[in-house]
């Protein structure tokens, strides 16, 4: 049977998932592209994100750090369901309006498997290490 081939089966799964999401085109993005945009790339020392890839952001030479950070978060929230990533989940939890201020609460969950030693948590269990994800 043709589906016994892992290559064929995974290719068909990717094609079916992409076609069901966007019937006019196949558009399968890596988790890197989902996080930072379709035209993002990296080198040994640089992470390059095109402002035009960030949803809701109007590219400008003077975009604030806050607007860029929020644009990356919005991109993650919108595309979070399009990635198969068990380590990071991003979602908009709720919005609170208080004293003419809108407070959007974003939930970022970082899941990291740890090994218990003698049924105790390892030291520095409150440290977030980017290399664990």
Foldseek 3Di string as FASTA:
>chain_A
DVCVDPVVVVVVVQQVVQCVVPVVDRDQDAVLCLQAHDPWDDDPPDTDGDQVRQPPDDDDPDDDPVVVVVSSLVSCQVCVVRYDDPAWGKHFDDWDADPNDIDTDIDIHGDADDDDDVNHGDPPPVDDDPVRD
